[in-house]
N, C-alpha and C. Protein backbone atom coordinates (compact mmCIF):
# COMPACT_ATOMS: atom_id res chain seq x y z
N MET A 1 -16.05 13.73 -34.24
CA MET A 1 -16.23 13.14 -32.99
C MET A 1 -14.88 12.96 -32.21
N CYS A 2 -13.80 13.16 -32.93
CA CYS A 2 -12.44 13.01 -32.35
C CYS A 2 -12.12 14.15 -31.47
N GLU A 3 -12.75 15.34 -31.69
CA GLU A 3 -12.39 16.55 -30.95
C GLU A 3 -12.84 16.43 -29.49
N GLN A 4 -14.02 15.82 -29.26
CA GLN A 4 -14.51 15.73 -27.94
C GLN A 4 -14.04 14.43 -27.26
N GLN A 5 -14.05 14.44 -25.97
CA GLN A 5 -13.61 13.25 -25.22
C GLN A 5 -14.70 12.15 -25.32
N LEU A 6 -14.27 10.95 -25.71
CA LEU A 6 -15.21 9.84 -25.79
C LEU A 6 -15.35 9.15 -24.48
N THR A 7 -16.59 8.67 -24.17
CA THR A 7 -16.84 8.00 -22.93
C THR A 7 -16.87 6.47 -23.21
N TYR A 8 -16.95 5.69 -22.18
CA TYR A 8 -17.05 4.25 -22.37
C TYR A 8 -18.31 3.82 -23.09
N ARG A 9 -19.34 4.66 -22.94
CA ARG A 9 -20.61 4.35 -23.71
C ARG A 9 -20.39 4.51 -25.23
N ASP A 10 -19.61 5.52 -25.63
CA ASP A 10 -19.32 5.72 -27.02
C ASP A 10 -18.58 4.49 -27.59
N TYR A 11 -17.56 4.10 -26.86
CA TYR A 11 -16.74 2.91 -27.29
C TYR A 11 -17.62 1.67 -27.30
N ALA A 12 -18.55 1.52 -26.37
CA ALA A 12 -19.47 0.37 -26.37
C ALA A 12 -20.38 0.34 -27.61
N ARG A 13 -20.80 1.54 -28.05
CA ARG A 13 -21.63 1.64 -29.24
C ARG A 13 -20.81 1.14 -30.45
N PHE A 14 -19.57 1.54 -30.51
CA PHE A 14 -18.71 1.06 -31.70
C PHE A 14 -18.41 -0.40 -31.56
N ALA A 15 -18.29 -0.92 -30.35
CA ALA A 15 -17.90 -2.28 -30.16
C ALA A 15 -19.07 -3.24 -30.53
N ARG A 16 -20.29 -2.74 -30.53
CA ARG A 16 -21.45 -3.57 -30.91
C ARG A 16 -21.56 -3.74 -32.42
N LEU A 17 -20.84 -2.91 -33.18
CA LEU A 17 -20.92 -2.99 -34.67
C LEU A 17 -20.31 -4.32 -35.17
N SER A 18 -20.78 -4.80 -36.32
CA SER A 18 -20.19 -5.97 -36.92
C SER A 18 -18.84 -5.51 -37.54
N LEU A 19 -18.04 -6.52 -37.85
CA LEU A 19 -16.68 -6.22 -38.43
C LEU A 19 -16.84 -5.52 -39.78
N ASP A 20 -17.86 -5.85 -40.54
CA ASP A 20 -18.11 -5.20 -41.86
C ASP A 20 -18.43 -3.75 -41.64
N ASP A 21 -19.30 -3.46 -40.71
CA ASP A 21 -19.67 -2.05 -40.43
C ASP A 21 -18.47 -1.27 -39.86
N LEU A 22 -17.70 -2.00 -39.03
CA LEU A 22 -16.50 -1.37 -38.46
C LEU A 22 -15.49 -1.02 -39.59
N ALA A 23 -15.38 -1.91 -40.52
CA ALA A 23 -14.44 -1.72 -41.63
C ALA A 23 -14.80 -0.48 -42.45
N LYS A 24 -16.09 -0.17 -42.58
CA LYS A 24 -16.52 0.97 -43.34
C LYS A 24 -16.09 2.29 -42.67
N GLN A 25 -15.89 2.27 -41.35
CA GLN A 25 -15.47 3.45 -40.62
C GLN A 25 -13.94 3.60 -40.53
N CYS A 26 -13.24 2.66 -41.14
CA CYS A 26 -11.79 2.66 -41.02
C CYS A 26 -11.09 3.12 -42.31
N GLU A 27 -9.91 3.67 -42.13
CA GLU A 27 -9.03 3.95 -43.26
C GLU A 27 -7.88 2.94 -43.19
N ALA A 28 -7.58 2.33 -44.31
CA ALA A 28 -6.54 1.25 -44.33
C ALA A 28 -5.44 1.69 -45.25
N GLU A 29 -4.24 1.37 -44.88
CA GLU A 29 -3.07 1.68 -45.67
C GLU A 29 -2.12 0.47 -45.68
N ALA A 30 -1.70 0.07 -46.87
CA ALA A 30 -0.85 -1.07 -47.04
C ALA A 30 0.60 -0.55 -47.21
N PHE A 31 1.58 -1.29 -46.65
CA PHE A 31 2.95 -0.87 -46.78
C PHE A 31 3.87 -2.08 -46.69
N HIS A 32 5.14 -1.90 -47.05
CA HIS A 32 6.13 -2.99 -46.92
C HIS A 32 6.45 -3.16 -45.43
N ALA A 33 6.36 -4.36 -44.99
CA ALA A 33 6.70 -4.69 -43.61
C ALA A 33 8.18 -4.78 -43.48
N SER A 34 8.77 -4.29 -42.37
CA SER A 34 10.19 -4.44 -42.15
C SER A 34 10.38 -5.50 -41.11
N GLY A 35 11.62 -5.89 -40.92
CA GLY A 35 11.96 -6.84 -39.90
C GLY A 35 12.07 -8.25 -40.44
N PRO A 36 11.99 -9.28 -39.58
CA PRO A 36 12.15 -10.62 -40.01
C PRO A 36 11.05 -11.11 -40.94
N GLY A 37 11.30 -12.06 -41.73
CA GLY A 37 10.32 -12.60 -42.66
C GLY A 37 10.83 -12.82 -44.00
N GLY A 38 12.00 -12.21 -44.32
CA GLY A 38 12.67 -12.48 -45.60
C GLY A 38 11.86 -12.12 -46.80
N GLN A 39 11.91 -12.98 -47.78
CA GLN A 39 11.25 -12.71 -49.03
C GLN A 39 9.79 -12.55 -48.95
N GLY A 40 9.13 -13.31 -48.08
CA GLY A 40 7.70 -13.21 -47.97
C GLY A 40 7.25 -11.84 -47.53
N VAL A 41 8.09 -11.17 -46.74
CA VAL A 41 7.72 -9.81 -46.29
C VAL A 41 8.03 -8.79 -47.36
N ASN A 42 9.13 -8.97 -48.06
CA ASN A 42 9.60 -7.95 -48.90
C ASN A 42 8.98 -7.95 -50.35
N THR A 43 8.25 -8.97 -50.68
CA THR A 43 7.76 -9.11 -52.08
C THR A 43 6.56 -8.21 -52.36
N ALA A 44 5.75 -7.89 -51.37
CA ALA A 44 4.58 -7.09 -51.66
C ALA A 44 4.21 -6.20 -50.48
N ASP A 45 3.29 -5.28 -50.76
CA ASP A 45 2.76 -4.41 -49.67
C ASP A 45 1.74 -5.21 -48.91
N SER A 46 2.19 -6.12 -48.03
CA SER A 46 1.28 -7.00 -47.34
C SER A 46 0.93 -6.52 -45.93
N ALA A 47 1.73 -5.66 -45.36
CA ALA A 47 1.42 -5.18 -44.03
C ALA A 47 0.32 -4.14 -44.13
N VAL A 48 -0.48 -4.04 -43.08
CA VAL A 48 -1.65 -3.13 -43.08
C VAL A 48 -1.70 -2.29 -41.81
N ARG A 49 -1.89 -1.01 -42.00
CA ARG A 49 -2.11 -0.09 -40.88
C ARG A 49 -3.52 0.43 -41.03
N MET A 50 -4.32 0.25 -39.99
CA MET A 50 -5.73 0.62 -40.11
C MET A 50 -6.09 1.55 -38.97
N ARG A 51 -6.82 2.63 -39.28
CA ARG A 51 -7.21 3.64 -38.30
C ARG A 51 -8.76 3.74 -38.28
N HIS A 52 -9.28 3.59 -37.09
CA HIS A 52 -10.71 3.80 -36.91
C HIS A 52 -10.96 5.32 -36.75
N VAL A 53 -11.55 5.93 -37.78
CA VAL A 53 -11.64 7.36 -37.86
C VAL A 53 -12.38 7.99 -36.69
N PRO A 54 -13.57 7.53 -36.25
CA PRO A 54 -14.28 8.20 -35.17
C PRO A 54 -13.52 8.21 -33.84
N THR A 55 -12.75 7.15 -33.58
CA THR A 55 -12.07 7.08 -32.22
C THR A 55 -10.60 7.36 -32.34
N GLY A 56 -10.01 7.18 -33.49
CA GLY A 56 -8.54 7.40 -33.68
C GLY A 56 -7.71 6.21 -33.26
N ILE A 57 -8.31 5.04 -33.03
CA ILE A 57 -7.59 3.88 -32.67
C ILE A 57 -6.85 3.32 -33.92
N VAL A 58 -5.56 3.04 -33.72
CA VAL A 58 -4.73 2.56 -34.85
C VAL A 58 -4.28 1.13 -34.54
N ALA A 59 -4.34 0.24 -35.55
CA ALA A 59 -3.87 -1.12 -35.38
C ALA A 59 -2.98 -1.41 -36.62
N VAL A 60 -1.90 -2.20 -36.35
CA VAL A 60 -1.00 -2.58 -37.40
C VAL A 60 -0.90 -4.08 -37.40
N SER A 61 -0.93 -4.71 -38.52
CA SER A 61 -0.79 -6.17 -38.63
C SER A 61 0.16 -6.46 -39.77
N ARG A 62 1.18 -7.34 -39.52
CA ARG A 62 2.11 -7.79 -40.54
C ARG A 62 2.44 -9.25 -40.37
N GLU A 63 1.56 -9.91 -39.62
CA GLU A 63 1.83 -11.36 -39.29
C GLU A 63 1.66 -12.25 -40.48
N GLN A 64 0.74 -11.98 -41.38
CA GLN A 64 0.43 -12.85 -42.50
C GLN A 64 1.08 -12.32 -43.78
N ARG A 65 1.18 -13.22 -44.74
CA ARG A 65 1.76 -12.77 -46.05
C ARG A 65 0.65 -12.19 -46.90
N SER A 66 -0.61 -12.38 -46.55
CA SER A 66 -1.71 -11.90 -47.30
C SER A 66 -2.20 -10.58 -46.73
N GLN A 67 -2.39 -9.57 -47.61
CA GLN A 67 -2.93 -8.29 -47.18
C GLN A 67 -4.32 -8.45 -46.64
N LEU A 68 -5.09 -9.30 -47.30
CA LEU A 68 -6.49 -9.50 -46.86
C LEU A 68 -6.59 -10.03 -45.40
N GLN A 69 -5.72 -11.00 -45.12
CA GLN A 69 -5.69 -11.60 -43.75
C GLN A 69 -5.18 -10.55 -42.74
N ASN A 70 -4.23 -9.70 -43.16
CA ASN A 70 -3.74 -8.68 -42.23
C ASN A 70 -4.82 -7.60 -41.98
N ARG A 71 -5.68 -7.33 -43.03
CA ARG A 71 -6.77 -6.39 -42.82
C ARG A 71 -7.75 -6.96 -41.75
N GLN A 72 -8.09 -8.23 -41.90
CA GLN A 72 -8.95 -8.88 -40.94
C GLN A 72 -8.35 -8.86 -39.54
N ALA A 73 -7.05 -9.09 -39.45
CA ALA A 73 -6.38 -9.07 -38.16
C ALA A 73 -6.45 -7.68 -37.52
N CYS A 74 -6.31 -6.65 -38.38
CA CYS A 74 -6.39 -5.25 -37.89
C CYS A 74 -7.78 -4.98 -37.34
N LEU A 75 -8.79 -5.41 -38.09
CA LEU A 75 -10.18 -5.19 -37.65
C LEU A 75 -10.44 -5.83 -36.30
N LYS A 76 -9.92 -7.05 -36.16
CA LYS A 76 -10.07 -7.75 -34.84
C LYS A 76 -9.34 -7.04 -33.75
N LYS A 77 -8.19 -6.49 -33.99
CA LYS A 77 -7.43 -5.75 -33.00
C LYS A 77 -8.16 -4.46 -32.58
N ILE A 78 -8.73 -3.76 -33.59
CA ILE A 78 -9.51 -2.53 -33.30
C ILE A 78 -10.76 -2.92 -32.48
N HIS A 79 -11.40 -4.00 -32.85
CA HIS A 79 -12.62 -4.43 -32.10
C HIS A 79 -12.25 -4.78 -30.68
N GLN A 80 -11.13 -5.47 -30.43
CA GLN A 80 -10.73 -5.79 -29.06
C GLN A 80 -10.46 -4.55 -28.27
N GLN A 81 -9.82 -3.56 -28.91
CA GLN A 81 -9.49 -2.29 -28.26
C GLN A 81 -10.78 -1.54 -27.89
N LEU A 82 -11.78 -1.59 -28.76
CA LEU A 82 -13.05 -0.95 -28.49
C LEU A 82 -13.76 -1.66 -27.32
N GLU A 83 -13.70 -2.96 -27.33
CA GLU A 83 -14.35 -3.74 -26.17
C GLU A 83 -13.62 -3.38 -24.87
N LEU A 84 -12.30 -3.29 -24.92
CA LEU A 84 -11.53 -2.99 -23.70
C LEU A 84 -11.92 -1.58 -23.16
N ARG A 85 -12.00 -0.63 -24.09
CA ARG A 85 -12.32 0.76 -23.64
C ARG A 85 -13.80 0.92 -23.32
N SER A 86 -14.64 -0.01 -23.68
CA SER A 86 -16.10 0.13 -23.40
C SER A 86 -16.45 -0.32 -22.00
N ARG A 87 -15.49 -0.85 -21.25
CA ARG A 87 -15.83 -1.26 -19.89
C ARG A 87 -16.02 -0.05 -18.96
N ARG A 88 -17.00 -0.14 -18.16
CA ARG A 88 -17.28 0.96 -17.20
C ARG A 88 -16.13 1.08 -16.19
N PRO A 89 -15.63 2.28 -16.01
CA PRO A 89 -14.55 2.48 -15.08
C PRO A 89 -15.02 2.16 -13.62
N LYS A 90 -14.15 1.67 -12.84
CA LYS A 90 -14.50 1.35 -11.48
C LYS A 90 -14.57 2.67 -10.67
N ILE A 91 -15.56 2.73 -9.83
CA ILE A 91 -15.73 3.89 -8.97
C ILE A 91 -14.75 3.85 -7.86
N ARG A 92 -13.95 4.91 -7.71
CA ARG A 92 -12.97 4.91 -6.63
C ARG A 92 -13.60 5.50 -5.35
N LYS A 93 -13.35 4.85 -4.28
CA LYS A 93 -13.85 5.29 -2.99
C LYS A 93 -12.69 5.85 -2.16
N ALA A 94 -12.90 7.05 -1.64
CA ALA A 94 -11.86 7.61 -0.78
C ALA A 94 -11.76 6.86 0.50
N THR A 95 -10.55 6.50 0.90
CA THR A 95 -10.38 5.75 2.13
C THR A 95 -9.28 6.44 2.95
N LYS A 96 -9.32 6.22 4.25
CA LYS A 96 -8.26 6.74 5.15
C LYS A 96 -7.52 5.59 5.72
N PRO A 97 -6.23 5.76 5.94
CA PRO A 97 -5.48 4.66 6.64
C PRO A 97 -5.94 4.53 8.05
N SER A 98 -5.93 3.28 8.57
CA SER A 98 -6.42 3.08 9.91
C SER A 98 -5.32 3.54 10.89
N LYS A 99 -5.68 3.65 12.20
CA LYS A 99 -4.73 4.05 13.20
C LYS A 99 -3.54 3.07 13.28
N ALA A 100 -3.84 1.78 13.15
CA ALA A 100 -2.84 0.76 13.19
C ALA A 100 -1.89 0.90 12.02
N ALA A 101 -2.40 1.17 10.86
CA ALA A 101 -1.56 1.37 9.65
C ALA A 101 -0.63 2.60 9.85
N LYS A 102 -1.20 3.69 10.39
CA LYS A 102 -0.37 4.85 10.62
C LYS A 102 0.74 4.54 11.63
N GLN A 103 0.42 3.78 12.68
CA GLN A 103 1.39 3.46 13.70
C GLN A 103 2.47 2.55 13.14
N ARG A 104 2.11 1.58 12.35
CA ARG A 104 3.11 0.72 11.67
C ARG A 104 4.04 1.52 10.82
N ARG A 105 3.53 2.45 10.05
CA ARG A 105 4.39 3.27 9.19
C ARG A 105 5.32 4.10 10.03
N LEU A 106 4.82 4.73 11.07
CA LEU A 106 5.74 5.52 11.95
C LEU A 106 6.73 4.65 12.65
N ASP A 107 6.37 3.45 13.06
CA ASP A 107 7.35 2.53 13.67
C ASP A 107 8.44 2.12 12.70
N ALA A 108 8.05 1.88 11.45
CA ALA A 108 9.05 1.49 10.42
C ALA A 108 9.98 2.67 10.20
N LYS A 109 9.46 3.88 10.19
CA LYS A 109 10.33 5.04 10.01
C LYS A 109 11.28 5.22 11.15
N HIS A 110 10.78 4.96 12.35
CA HIS A 110 11.62 5.05 13.52
C HIS A 110 12.76 4.01 13.49
N ARG A 111 12.41 2.80 13.14
CA ARG A 111 13.44 1.74 13.04
C ARG A 111 14.49 2.11 12.00
N ARG A 112 14.04 2.63 10.85
CA ARG A 112 14.95 3.02 9.79
C ARG A 112 15.88 4.15 10.30
N SER A 113 15.31 5.12 11.03
CA SER A 113 16.08 6.19 11.59
C SER A 113 17.17 5.60 12.56
N ASN A 114 16.79 4.68 13.34
CA ASN A 114 17.80 4.07 14.29
C ASN A 114 18.90 3.34 13.51
N VAL A 115 18.59 2.66 12.42
CA VAL A 115 19.60 2.04 11.62
C VAL A 115 20.57 3.02 11.07
N LYS A 116 20.02 4.09 10.53
CA LYS A 116 20.90 5.15 9.99
C LYS A 116 21.74 5.78 11.05
N ALA A 117 21.14 6.03 12.21
CA ALA A 117 21.84 6.68 13.32
C ALA A 117 23.00 5.79 13.77
N SER A 118 22.78 4.48 13.79
CA SER A 118 23.84 3.56 14.19
C SER A 118 25.07 3.53 13.26
N ARG A 119 24.90 4.04 12.07
CA ARG A 119 26.01 4.07 11.09
C ARG A 119 26.92 5.28 11.28
N ARG A 120 26.41 6.30 12.01
CA ARG A 120 27.23 7.51 12.17
C ARG A 120 28.42 7.29 13.08
N ARG A 121 29.37 8.15 12.87
CA ARG A 121 30.53 8.08 13.81
C ARG A 121 30.13 8.45 15.20
N PRO A 122 30.75 7.80 16.18
CA PRO A 122 30.42 8.15 17.61
C PRO A 122 30.81 9.65 17.83
N GLY A 123 29.97 10.33 18.61
CA GLY A 123 30.29 11.69 18.97
C GLY A 123 29.71 12.68 17.99
N MET A 124 29.04 12.22 16.96
CA MET A 124 28.46 13.19 15.98
C MET A 124 26.94 13.31 16.30
N ASP A 125 26.67 14.13 17.30
CA ASP A 125 25.26 14.32 17.70
C ASP A 125 24.76 15.59 16.97
N ASP A 126 23.50 15.53 16.48
CA ASP A 126 22.93 16.64 15.81
C ASP A 126 22.39 17.68 16.72
């Protein structure tokens, strides 16, 4: 399913799954977390990287000292990302600038041109 482009409907279908069902579709990897945290971080493989196989969404959690809690945090992050991607995209409507907007833009360009022209040395006409 990763080869084809997923639509918001596909993401919505995954977002409706329970966390247990979502966990069955994920690959989890535990690793040593780097960065601040001192001994609590360095003692065990407590950080978790989880990938949702059908969509390719990856989440990393290293906030907790427990690998189990980090797995739950990853699942929640993946679920949030699925919900975010499941929203229907807004339909864009083509619009044209009004005559007044065009005139304001041209007036601003003209004013800017006058400012730059006033900076030139006298007698330097193009």
